[in-house]
Protein backbone atom coordinates (compact mmCIF):
# COMPACT_ATOMS: atom_id res chain seq x y z
CA MET A 1 141.28 133.99 107.97
CA ALA A 2 143.78 136.68 106.75
CA ASN A 3 143.06 140.35 106.43
CA VAL A 4 144.35 141.95 103.49
CA LEU A 5 145.46 145.73 102.71
CA VAL A 6 145.49 146.76 99.38
CA TRP A 7 147.55 149.81 99.09
CA PHE A 8 146.75 151.62 95.82
CA LYS A 9 149.38 153.61 94.10
CA ARG A 10 149.34 154.17 90.21
CA ASP A 11 146.55 151.49 89.70
CA LEU A 12 143.23 153.59 90.28
CA ARG A 13 140.91 151.06 89.00
CA VAL A 14 139.32 148.08 90.12
CA GLN A 15 138.89 146.71 86.31
CA ASP A 16 142.15 144.76 85.15
CA ASN A 17 143.85 145.05 88.65
CA PRO A 18 145.79 141.72 89.60
CA GLY A 19 146.45 143.06 92.79
CA LEU A 20 142.73 143.71 93.76
CA ALA A 21 142.14 140.36 92.29
CA LEU A 22 144.51 138.81 94.40
CA ALA A 23 143.65 140.28 97.53
CA ALA A 24 139.67 139.32 96.56
CA ALA A 25 140.96 135.68 96.35
CA ARG A 26 142.54 135.54 99.88
CA ASP A 27 139.99 134.26 102.56
CA GLY A 28 139.65 137.43 104.70
CA CYS A 29 138.65 140.89 104.65
CA VAL A 30 139.85 143.50 102.45
CA LEU A 31 140.89 147.17 103.15
CA PRO A 32 141.53 149.34 100.23
CA LEU A 33 144.08 152.12 101.03
CA TYR A 34 145.34 155.27 99.13
CA ILE A 35 148.05 157.39 101.09
CA ALA A 36 148.36 160.88 99.96
CA GLU A 37 151.97 161.57 101.35
CA PRO A 38 152.87 165.44 101.77
CA GLU A 39 156.29 164.46 101.44
CA ALA A 40 155.74 162.94 97.85
CA TRP A 41 154.05 165.83 96.72
CA ALA A 42 156.88 168.11 98.12
CA GLN A 43 159.14 166.83 95.34
CA PRO A 44 160.27 168.96 92.81
CA ASP A 45 158.48 166.93 89.99
CA ALA A 46 155.02 167.11 91.76
CA SER A 47 152.21 169.68 90.91
CA ALA A 48 148.83 170.43 91.56
CA ARG A 49 147.49 169.62 88.25
CA GLN A 50 148.69 166.03 88.72
CA TRP A 51 147.42 165.91 92.31
CA ARG A 52 143.70 167.06 90.69
CA PHE A 53 143.75 164.28 88.22
CA ILE A 54 144.57 161.81 91.01
CA ALA A 55 141.63 163.28 93.44
CA GLU A 56 139.03 163.24 90.47
CA SER A 57 140.23 159.33 89.94
CA LEU A 58 140.06 158.44 93.56
CA GLU A 59 136.69 159.97 93.47
CA GLY A 60 135.84 157.05 90.70
CA LEU A 61 137.51 154.37 92.40
CA ARG A 62 135.99 154.90 95.80
CA ALA A 63 132.62 154.64 94.22
CA ASP A 64 133.63 151.23 92.53
CA LEU A 65 135.10 150.07 95.39
CA ALA A 66 131.88 150.95 97.52
CA GLY A 67 129.82 149.03 95.07
CA VAL A 68 131.57 145.77 95.53
CA GLY A 69 131.70 146.06 99.60
CA ALA A 70 134.82 147.61 100.76
CA PRO A 71 134.84 151.27 100.35
CA LEU A 72 138.53 152.96 99.66
CA ILE A 73 140.25 154.28 102.70
CA ILE A 74 142.31 157.62 102.12
CA ARG A 75 144.97 159.02 104.62
CA ARG A 76 147.06 161.91 104.47
CA GLY A 77 150.35 161.31 105.87
CA GLU A 78 153.53 159.26 106.00
CA ALA A 79 153.44 155.64 104.53
CA VAL A 80 155.05 153.37 107.12
CA GLU A 81 153.26 155.27 109.94
CA THR A 82 149.89 154.83 108.13
CA LEU A 83 150.57 151.41 107.31
CA ALA A 84 151.40 150.54 110.63
CA THR A 85 148.62 152.49 112.35
CA ILE A 86 145.82 150.57 109.84
CA CYS A 87 147.30 147.34 109.85
CA ALA A 88 147.71 147.31 113.91
CA ALA A 89 143.95 148.54 114.11
CA HIS A 90 142.44 145.74 111.82
CA GLN A 91 144.94 142.69 112.40
CA ILE A 92 146.23 142.96 108.66
CA THR A 93 148.68 140.12 107.96
CA GLU A 94 149.36 140.97 104.42
CA ILE A 95 149.87 144.18 102.07
CA ILE A 96 149.32 143.51 98.31
CA SER A 97 150.14 146.55 95.76
CA HIS A 98 151.41 146.71 92.37
CA GLU A 99 155.22 147.27 91.79
CA GLU A 100 155.98 150.86 91.08
CA THR A 101 158.27 152.45 88.43
CA GLY A 102 158.48 155.88 90.40
CA ASN A 103 161.09 158.58 91.16
CA LEU A 104 164.01 158.08 93.30
CA TRP A 105 161.79 159.24 96.38
CA SER A 106 159.36 156.85 95.90
CA TYR A 107 162.01 154.16 95.67
CA ALA A 108 163.50 155.10 98.94
CA ARG A 109 159.86 155.27 100.46
CA ASP A 110 159.41 151.46 99.26
CA ARG A 111 162.71 150.38 100.90
CA LYS A 112 161.77 151.61 104.32
CA VAL A 113 157.95 150.11 103.77
CA ALA A 114 159.96 147.11 103.16
CA ALA A 115 162.02 147.19 106.21
CA TRP A 116 159.32 147.79 108.25
CA ALA A 117 156.75 145.00 107.13
CA ARG A 118 159.59 142.60 107.46
CA ALA A 119 160.20 143.92 111.16
CA ALA A 120 156.38 143.76 111.80
CA GLY A 121 156.03 140.10 110.45
CA ILE A 122 153.94 141.67 107.86
CA ARG A 123 153.88 140.16 104.43
CA TRP A 124 154.36 142.78 101.52
CA THR A 125 153.40 140.87 98.44
CA GLU A 126 154.33 143.25 95.21
CA VAL A 127 152.66 142.28 92.03
CA PRO A 128 154.45 142.55 88.79
CA GLN A 129 153.61 145.29 86.36
CA MET A 130 152.20 144.42 82.93
CA GLY A 131 154.94 145.43 80.95
CA VAL A 132 157.72 146.58 83.20
CA HIS A 133 159.83 143.48 84.86
CA ARG A 134 161.83 144.14 88.03
CA ARG A 135 165.40 142.79 88.48
CA LEU A 136 165.48 142.07 84.99
CA LEU A 137 169.06 140.58 83.85
CA SER A 138 168.93 141.06 80.42
CA ARG A 139 166.90 143.04 77.54
CA ASP A 140 167.31 139.74 75.41
CA GLY A 141 163.74 138.45 74.98
CA TRP A 142 162.07 141.58 77.08
CA ALA A 143 159.63 142.40 73.94
CA LYS A 144 158.33 138.88 73.56
CA THR A 145 157.85 138.49 77.36
CA ARG A 146 156.09 142.02 77.39
CA GLU A 147 153.76 140.86 74.38
CA LYS A 148 152.88 137.42 75.95
CA ALA A 149 152.12 139.50 79.19
CA MET A 150 149.86 141.82 76.98
CA ARG A 151 148.08 138.79 75.38
CA LEU A 152 146.82 137.39 78.62
CA PRO A 153 143.05 138.03 79.42
CA GLN A 154 142.27 140.74 81.38
CA VAL A 155 141.55 140.07 85.16
CA ASP A 156 137.93 140.46 86.25
CA ALA A 157 136.83 142.98 89.01
CA PRO A 158 135.65 141.35 92.20
CA ASN A 159 132.09 140.77 92.37
CA ALA A 160 132.09 141.49 96.17
CA LEU A 161 134.56 141.92 98.75
CA ARG A 162 134.12 142.07 102.72
CA GLY A 163 135.38 145.39 103.86
CA PHE A 164 136.08 147.02 107.05
CA PRO A 165 133.95 149.52 109.12
CA GLU A 166 136.46 152.39 108.96
CA ASP A 167 136.30 156.02 108.52
CA PRO A 168 136.68 156.55 104.62
CA GLY A 169 138.60 159.66 105.07
CA ALA A 170 138.47 162.76 102.94
CA ILE A 171 140.15 163.21 99.68
CA PRO A 172 142.68 166.00 100.45
CA ASP A 173 142.76 169.22 98.40
CA ALA A 174 145.99 170.31 96.53
CA ARG A 175 146.39 172.92 99.09
CA ASP A 176 146.31 170.46 102.06
CA LEU A 177 149.32 168.83 100.44
CA GLY A 178 151.19 172.22 100.28
CA LEU A 179 151.11 172.50 96.58
CA ALA A 180 151.60 175.72 95.04
CA PHE A 181 148.99 177.46 92.85
CA ASP A 182 148.96 176.08 89.62
CA PRO A 183 146.14 177.17 87.39
CA CYS A 184 145.75 174.65 84.21
CA PRO A 185 142.68 175.62 82.47
CA GLY A 186 142.96 172.83 79.79
CA ARG A 187 143.98 170.21 81.93
CA GLN A 188 142.37 166.89 81.16
CA ARG A 189 139.95 165.03 84.13
CA GLY A 190 140.76 162.30 85.81
CA GLY A 191 138.58 158.95 86.77
CA ARG A 192 137.64 155.83 85.11
CA LYS A 193 134.92 156.85 83.12
CA MET A 194 136.86 159.77 81.54
CA ALA A 195 139.54 156.85 80.59
CA LEU A 196 136.96 154.85 78.97
CA SER A 197 135.34 157.84 77.10
CA THR A 198 138.93 158.93 75.66
CA LEU A 199 139.84 155.48 74.64
CA GLY A 200 136.55 155.05 73.06
CA SER A 201 136.73 158.28 70.96
CA PHE A 202 139.81 157.69 70.14
CA LEU A 203 139.65 154.33 68.54
CA THR A 204 136.36 155.17 66.77
CA GLU A 205 136.18 158.83 65.96
CA ARG A 206 139.63 160.91 66.67
CA GLY A 207 142.19 158.49 65.51
CA GLN A 208 141.85 157.98 61.99
CA ASP A 209 144.48 160.35 61.32
CA TYR A 210 146.90 159.49 64.39
CA ARG A 211 149.81 158.52 62.29
CA ARG A 212 149.77 161.80 60.26
CA ALA A 213 148.71 164.19 62.77
CA MET A 214 150.32 163.15 65.90
CA SER A 215 152.97 165.36 64.94
CA SER A 216 151.30 168.69 64.69
CA PRO A 217 150.59 170.34 68.17
CA LEU A 218 147.71 171.62 66.83
CA GLU A 219 146.04 168.38 65.41
CA GLY A 220 147.47 166.18 67.74
CA ALA A 221 145.92 167.38 70.74
CA THR A 222 142.81 165.91 69.11
CA ALA A 223 144.17 162.88 67.04
CA CYS A 224 146.30 161.90 69.70
CA SER A 225 144.75 159.39 72.06
CA ARG A 226 145.34 161.46 75.08
CA LEU A 227 145.63 158.19 77.33
CA SER A 228 148.65 159.11 78.69
CA PRO A 229 147.62 160.58 81.89
CA HIS A 230 145.00 157.69 82.43
CA LEU A 231 148.08 155.28 81.79
CA ALA A 232 150.08 156.96 84.06
CA PHE A 233 148.14 156.64 87.07
CA GLY A 234 146.24 153.74 86.26
CA THR A 235 142.87 154.71 85.60
CA LEU A 236 143.06 152.51 82.44
CA SER A 237 145.68 149.35 82.11
CA PRO A 238 148.02 149.17 79.58
CA ARG A 239 146.57 145.83 78.52
CA GLU A 240 142.92 147.14 78.39
CA ALA A 241 144.35 149.53 75.93
CA VAL A 242 146.24 147.06 73.90
CA HIS A 243 143.13 144.63 73.73
CA ALA A 244 141.05 147.45 72.71
CA ASN A 245 143.13 148.48 70.20
CA ALA A 246 143.54 145.03 68.75
CA ALA A 247 139.58 144.39 68.81
CA ARG A 248 139.24 147.78 66.53
CA ARG A 249 141.97 146.52 64.07
CA ALA A 250 140.14 143.15 63.60
CA GLU A 251 136.98 144.96 63.32
CA LEU A 252 138.27 147.29 60.67
CA LYS A 253 140.60 144.40 58.83
CA GLY A 254 140.10 144.71 55.22
CA THR A 255 139.34 148.23 55.13
CA ARG A 256 140.96 150.97 53.39
CA SER A 257 140.26 154.05 55.63
CA GLY A 258 143.71 154.83 57.04
CA TRP A 259 142.78 153.63 60.51
CA LEU A 260 144.85 150.50 60.11
CA GLY A 261 148.04 152.19 59.81
CA SER A 262 147.30 154.69 62.61
CA LEU A 263 145.92 151.45 65.02
CA LYS A 264 149.20 149.86 64.22
CA SER A 265 151.05 152.93 65.44
CA PHE A 266 149.47 153.23 68.60
CA GLU A 267 150.01 149.66 69.44
CA ALA A 268 153.96 150.34 68.71
CA ARG A 269 153.66 153.51 71.15
CA LEU A 270 152.19 151.45 73.96
CA ALA A 271 155.08 149.05 73.67
CA TRP A 272 157.91 151.71 73.51
CA ARG A 273 156.01 153.40 76.33
CA ASP A 274 157.08 150.19 78.68
CA HIS A 275 160.33 149.99 76.89
CA PHE A 276 161.38 153.47 78.52
CA MET A 277 159.74 152.67 81.73
CA GLN A 278 161.92 149.59 81.83
CA LYS A 279 165.04 151.87 81.77
CA LEU A 280 164.37 153.72 84.76
CA GLU A 281 163.22 150.56 86.32
CA ASP A 282 166.94 149.21 85.68
CA GLN A 283 168.56 152.17 86.72
CA PRO A 284 167.04 154.53 88.85
CA SER A 285 170.15 156.99 88.78
CA ILE A 286 168.96 157.75 85.34
CA GLU A 287 166.73 160.58 87.31
CA THR A 288 169.93 162.49 88.50
CA ARG A 289 172.70 161.49 86.86
CA CYS A 290 173.88 161.36 83.27
CA LEU A 291 173.57 157.91 81.59
CA HIS A 292 176.94 158.34 80.15
CA THR A 293 179.47 159.78 82.80
CA ALA A 294 181.58 161.57 80.27
CA TYR A 295 178.64 164.13 80.08
CA GLU A 296 178.83 164.97 83.55
CA GLY A 297 179.89 168.59 84.03
CA LEU A 298 179.31 169.35 80.33
CA ARG A 299 176.76 171.90 81.26
CA PRO A 300 176.73 174.61 84.19
CA ALA A 301 175.31 172.75 87.31
CA THR A 302 173.81 176.22 88.14
CA PRO A 303 171.82 177.24 85.40
CA ASP A 304 171.53 180.62 83.63
CA ALA A 305 168.53 182.02 86.01
CA SER A 306 167.25 184.58 83.06
CA ARG A 307 167.31 181.82 80.15
CA LEU A 308 165.60 179.07 82.50
CA HIS A 309 162.97 181.49 83.54
CA ALA A 310 162.56 182.80 80.06
CA TRP A 311 162.10 179.11 78.61
CA GLU A 312 159.59 178.37 81.74
CA GLN A 313 157.38 180.93 80.93
CA GLY A 314 157.37 180.72 77.07
CA GLU A 315 158.92 184.08 76.92
CA THR A 316 162.62 183.15 74.78
CA GLY A 317 161.39 185.32 71.91
CA LEU A 318 161.51 182.26 69.78
CA PRO A 319 158.17 182.06 68.89
CA PHE A 320 157.22 178.66 68.39
CA VAL A 321 159.25 177.54 71.22
CA ASP A 322 157.15 180.24 73.61
CA ALA A 323 153.85 178.91 71.80
CA CYS A 324 154.57 175.29 72.91
CA MET A 325 155.65 176.01 76.29
CA ARG A 326 152.58 178.35 76.89
CA SER A 327 150.39 175.64 75.66
CA LEU A 328 151.81 172.90 77.74
CA ASN A 329 151.68 175.47 80.87
CA ALA A 330 147.96 176.15 80.22
CA THR A 331 146.64 172.45 79.28
CA GLY A 332 149.22 170.10 80.82
CA TRP A 333 149.92 168.33 77.74
CA LEU A 334 151.84 168.65 74.42
CA ASN A 335 152.57 166.38 71.22
CA PHE A 336 155.68 164.12 71.25
CA ARG A 337 157.56 166.24 68.88
CA MET A 338 157.16 169.42 70.62
CA ARG A 339 158.22 167.92 73.97
CA ALA A 340 161.36 166.91 72.23
CA MET A 341 161.89 170.31 70.98
CA LEU A 342 161.36 172.00 74.00
CA VAL A 343 164.14 170.01 75.85
CA ALA A 344 166.49 170.24 72.90
CA VAL A 345 165.98 174.01 72.57
CA ALA A 346 166.86 174.11 76.52
CA SER A 347 169.84 171.81 76.33
CA TYR A 348 171.43 172.98 73.28
CA HIS A 349 170.62 176.75 72.18
CA LEU A 350 169.99 177.79 76.10
CA TRP A 351 172.83 175.47 77.11
CA LEU A 352 170.93 174.54 80.21
CA ASP A 353 171.54 171.25 82.16
CA TRP A 354 168.53 168.73 81.85
CA ARG A 355 168.58 168.31 85.72
CA ALA A 356 167.42 172.12 86.02
CA THR A 357 164.73 171.71 82.89
CA GLY A 358 163.52 168.52 83.45
CA PRO A 359 161.52 169.23 86.76
CA HIS A 360 159.53 172.08 85.39
CA LEU A 361 158.42 169.94 82.60
CA ALA A 362 157.51 167.21 84.93
CA ARG A 363 155.40 169.42 86.99
CA GLN A 364 153.65 170.72 83.75
CA PHE A 365 152.90 167.39 82.19
CA THR A 366 149.48 166.01 83.91
CA ASP A 367 150.80 162.52 82.24
CA TYR A 368 154.20 162.80 84.19
CA GLU A 369 155.56 159.68 84.06
CA PRO A 370 158.84 159.25 85.74
CA GLY A 371 159.88 156.11 83.65
CA ILE A 372 159.23 157.87 80.48
CA HIS A 373 159.87 161.31 81.31
CA TRP A 374 163.90 160.85 82.62
CA PRO A 375 165.22 158.58 80.20
CA GLN A 376 163.74 160.78 77.23
CA VAL A 377 164.68 163.98 78.88
CA GLN A 378 168.30 162.84 78.83
CA MET A 379 167.82 161.37 75.24
CA GLN A 380 167.03 164.86 74.20
CA SER A 381 169.61 166.44 75.90
CA GLY A 382 172.19 164.12 74.27
CA THR A 383 173.55 162.66 77.61
CA THR A 384 172.78 158.83 76.72
CA GLY A 385 176.09 158.13 74.93
CA MET A 386 174.04 155.91 72.77
CA ASN A 387 171.65 158.28 70.87
CA THR A 388 172.77 160.59 68.09
CA ILE A 389 172.67 164.26 68.69
CA ARG A 390 169.54 165.81 67.19
CA ILE A 391 169.82 169.75 67.83
CA TYR A 392 166.13 170.83 66.70
CA ASN A 393 165.85 174.18 64.63
CA PRO A 394 162.96 175.79 66.59
CA VAL A 395 162.46 178.18 63.47
CA LYS A 396 162.19 175.04 61.05
CA GLN A 397 159.88 173.41 63.32
CA GLY A 398 157.68 176.00 63.45
CA MET A 399 157.32 176.03 59.66
CA ASP A 400 156.87 172.43 59.02
CA HIS A 401 154.50 171.76 62.02
CA ASP A 402 152.56 175.09 62.28
CA PRO A 403 152.63 176.20 58.40
CA THR A 404 149.59 178.38 58.86
CA GLY A 405 150.61 179.68 62.02
CA ALA A 406 147.63 179.06 63.95
CA PHE A 407 148.95 177.44 66.91
CA THR A 408 151.86 179.89 67.19
CA ARG A 409 149.50 182.92 67.18
CA GLN A 410 147.09 181.14 69.52
CA TRP A 411 149.68 181.05 72.05
CA CYS A 412 151.46 184.06 71.43
CA PRO A 413 148.66 186.88 70.22
CA GLU A 414 151.28 189.59 70.45
CA LEU A 415 152.25 188.13 67.09
CA ARG A 416 148.79 188.08 65.54
CA ASP A 417 149.88 191.24 63.23
CA VAL A 418 153.11 189.66 62.20
CA PRO A 419 152.96 188.32 58.57
CA ASP A 420 153.38 184.77 57.91
CA ALA A 421 156.68 184.90 56.17
CA HIS A 422 158.13 186.56 59.30
CA LEU A 423 156.16 184.56 62.10
CA GLN A 424 158.68 182.50 63.22
CA THR A 425 161.46 184.95 63.02
CA PRO A 426 159.72 188.30 63.84
CA TRP A 427 163.29 189.81 64.19
CA THR A 428 163.23 189.93 60.28
CA TRP A 429 160.15 191.90 60.01
CA GLU A 430 160.25 195.21 59.13
CA GLY A 431 157.84 196.08 62.27
CA ALA A 432 160.25 194.57 64.61
CA ARG A 433 161.42 198.04 66.45
CA GLN A 434 157.55 198.59 67.56
CA LEU A 435 157.31 194.67 68.49
CA LEU A 436 160.60 193.38 70.01
CA GLY A 437 161.19 194.19 73.58
CA LYS A 438 157.87 196.06 74.00
CA ARG A 439 154.81 193.81 73.30
CA TYR A 440 157.21 190.32 72.45
CA PRO A 441 160.55 189.58 73.87
CA ALA A 442 163.50 189.80 71.36
CA PRO A 443 165.31 186.36 71.11
CA ILE A 444 167.72 185.45 74.08
CA VAL A 445 170.12 183.77 71.56
CA ASP A 446 171.12 183.47 68.15
CA VAL A 447 169.49 180.07 67.05
CA LYS A 448 172.39 179.39 64.48
CA GLU A 449 175.26 180.44 66.75
CA THR A 450 174.20 178.55 69.66
CA ALA A 451 173.38 175.50 67.72
CA LYS A 452 176.97 175.15 66.32
CA ALA A 453 178.59 175.90 69.51
CA ALA A 454 176.38 172.98 71.51
CA ARG A 455 176.92 170.69 68.49
CA ASP A 456 180.75 171.29 68.46
CA ARG A 457 180.81 170.80 72.53
CA VAL A 458 178.74 167.81 72.67
CA TRP A 459 180.54 165.87 69.91
CA ALA A 460 183.76 166.59 71.34
CA VAL A 461 182.75 164.53 74.42
CA ARG A 462 182.17 161.42 72.38
CA ARG A 463 185.71 160.98 70.91
CA GLY A 464 187.85 158.22 72.47
CA ASP A 465 188.33 154.63 73.13
CA ALA A 466 186.96 155.11 76.88
CA PHE A 467 183.79 156.89 75.79
CA ARG A 468 182.93 154.00 73.21
CA ALA A 469 183.45 151.42 75.58
CA GLN A 470 181.19 152.96 77.91
CA ALA A 471 178.59 153.63 75.52
CA ALA A 472 178.60 150.08 74.30
CA GLU A 473 177.75 149.05 77.99
CA ILE A 474 174.86 151.24 77.84
CA VAL A 475 173.61 150.04 74.54
CA GLU A 476 173.84 146.28 75.91
CA LYS A 477 171.77 147.32 79.16
CA HIS A 478 169.25 149.73 77.98
CA ALA A 479 169.00 149.39 73.91
CA SER A 480 166.06 147.84 72.24
CA ARG A 481 166.59 144.25 70.40
CA LYS A 482 163.39 144.77 68.14
CA ASP A 483 163.93 145.49 64.57
CA GLY A 484 167.21 147.48 64.58
CA GLY A 485 165.31 149.79 67.47
CA ALA A 486 166.18 153.27 65.82
CA TRP A 487 163.64 155.46 67.78
CA ARG A 488 164.16 158.88 68.99
CA HIS A 489 160.78 160.45 70.37
CA PHE A 490 158.56 160.84 73.64
CA VAL A 491 156.26 157.87 73.36
CA ASN A 492 152.99 159.38 75.22
CA ASP A 493 151.18 159.28 71.85
CA ARG A 494 154.53 160.20 69.95
CA ALA A 495 156.20 158.77 66.80
CA PRO A 496 159.48 157.31 66.41
CA LYS A 497 161.21 157.58 63.41
CA ARG A 498 163.60 154.87 61.79
CA LYS A 499 166.59 155.17 59.86
CA LYS A 500 168.67 152.58 58.19
CA ALA A 501 171.25 151.21 60.89
CA LYS A 502 174.67 151.80 59.62
CA SER A 503 176.72 149.34 62.02
CA PRO A 504 176.06 146.83 64.46
CA ASP A 505 176.13 149.12 67.12
CA VAL A 506 173.57 151.63 65.55
CA GLN A 507 171.30 148.72 65.27
CA LEU A 508 171.05 148.31 68.96
CA SER A 509 170.67 151.79 69.69
CA LEU A 510 167.94 154.36 70.15
CA GLY A 511 167.28 157.81 68.92
CA LEU A 512 169.59 157.65 65.49
C-alpha cells in the first residue's frame, strides 16, 4: 500500500482536479498539503492582496477535503524541507502535483524538489495542465490539442479519501509571510463558492454586454467575467469555465439577445489565456529578458525614480492614466485595454523599462498570472520583435472609454470641477493655475512629444536583416497558427482586435 502526498499549488479545488483524482485512485492514504513559502512571498511580484485571496481559497479547500476524509495540511516553510519532514513521518512514496507555469523562482524551486525527490527515492508525478503543454516541440497543432483537452469530461471530486491523523496547521496571515501593508478595499474574495457564484452571475446576468462593454473601465468591472483570479489560483478549472460557457451557449442557441456573441468572445479569451501562458512555459526567461535581444538596453536599466513613483501612485498629471492606476491599486483589477494602456504609457511616454514597471503591476493584480503577465508586459512595451508598436494616446483613451468622465472623476476627485471638454487635458482649462501643482499634479510629460520620440527610437531598432532574422525565429516559436492570429491585448477578460494580414510573416504574428 502506497501513501501519497498531494501538493496543492495553483489548483485550490477538489472538483475537476486530475491530480487529486489520481491520488484517490492509488491504494493508500492521501495527505493533501499546501506550503506557504516565505521566500516565494518575498519575491517582487508577490503581494498581500494575492495571499489573502489564496488564504480565503484555502479555507474552502480545507472544508471540502475534510468532507471527504482527508483534511488539508498547511505548513509554512521551505518546500524541500517541508516535504522531506512530512514524507519521512508518514512513509510517503509518491508526491502528486500539477505542473505549474510560474515565475523563475518557482521554476528553480521545482528543480530543487525534483533533485531531492530523486535522491530520496520518492516518485514525483506532475500532472499536465489542461491548456499548457510542457516541453512543447512546436506550436503547430497546439490549438487543436488544447481544444481536445477542454472537450474531455470533467474529473469528479473523490467521494472519500483515507487521510492521516496530522495537525492541520493554521493558515498564515499576510504578516506571517512578511508581506507589506497592502490595503485593497475593492479586492475580490477567494474560494470555490465565490468562483461558482461569479461564473453563474456572469453567464446568466452580467455577461450579456461583455463583447461591447469589456473595453470600458467602468462598465467592464461588471460586464467582464471577473473569473481571472479564480482561474489564476485554481478555485475554478479552465475546463469548467469552457464547459459552463458551452452549456449556456447551447441553451441560448437561436436567440437574438446579444448573449451568443458575448459568450463566443469569452470562449476565445479562455483560449488566448492558455496561448500566452504557453509562451512563458516555453521560454521562462521572458520574465527577465527582452524576447528580442535587440531591445536590451533600449531604455535605462535604472528607471527615472520620480516618473516611476508618479506612475505607481496615479500622480502623473494624465487624468485617465491616474484614474486607472488608482482604481487598480484600490481594487486589484482593471479591464484589458486599460492594463495595456498603463504599460504602454509607462514604456513609451515615461520611457521606463518594463522590468521596473512589471513588478508593480504584478503586485497590484489580485489575478496575477505570470504566464499572461510577462509576455503581455513585453508586448505592450514593444520588445517582442513580432508585434506592431502600439503607443496609446492616454488623452484619446480617456475620451473614447470614459466619455462622461464618470470613471475619471470617481478616482481623481480633484478634477470634479473641471468641465468635460477639459477633463482629460486639465492644463488647457482656464482654471488650471488654481488646480495644477496644488490639488492635482501638472503632467510630468508632454504626451505628443514623448510619443514621437519613443516611436522613433523603437522603430529604429527594427531595421536590418539581423533583427528580422531573429524576429522570424520568435514568430516560429511563439506565434499563434490560428486564423492569422492578429491579437494585441491582455486576455484576462480582454478583447483582441483583428486586422487583415499583409504578409505571411504578419499572418503568424500577434499584436498587429
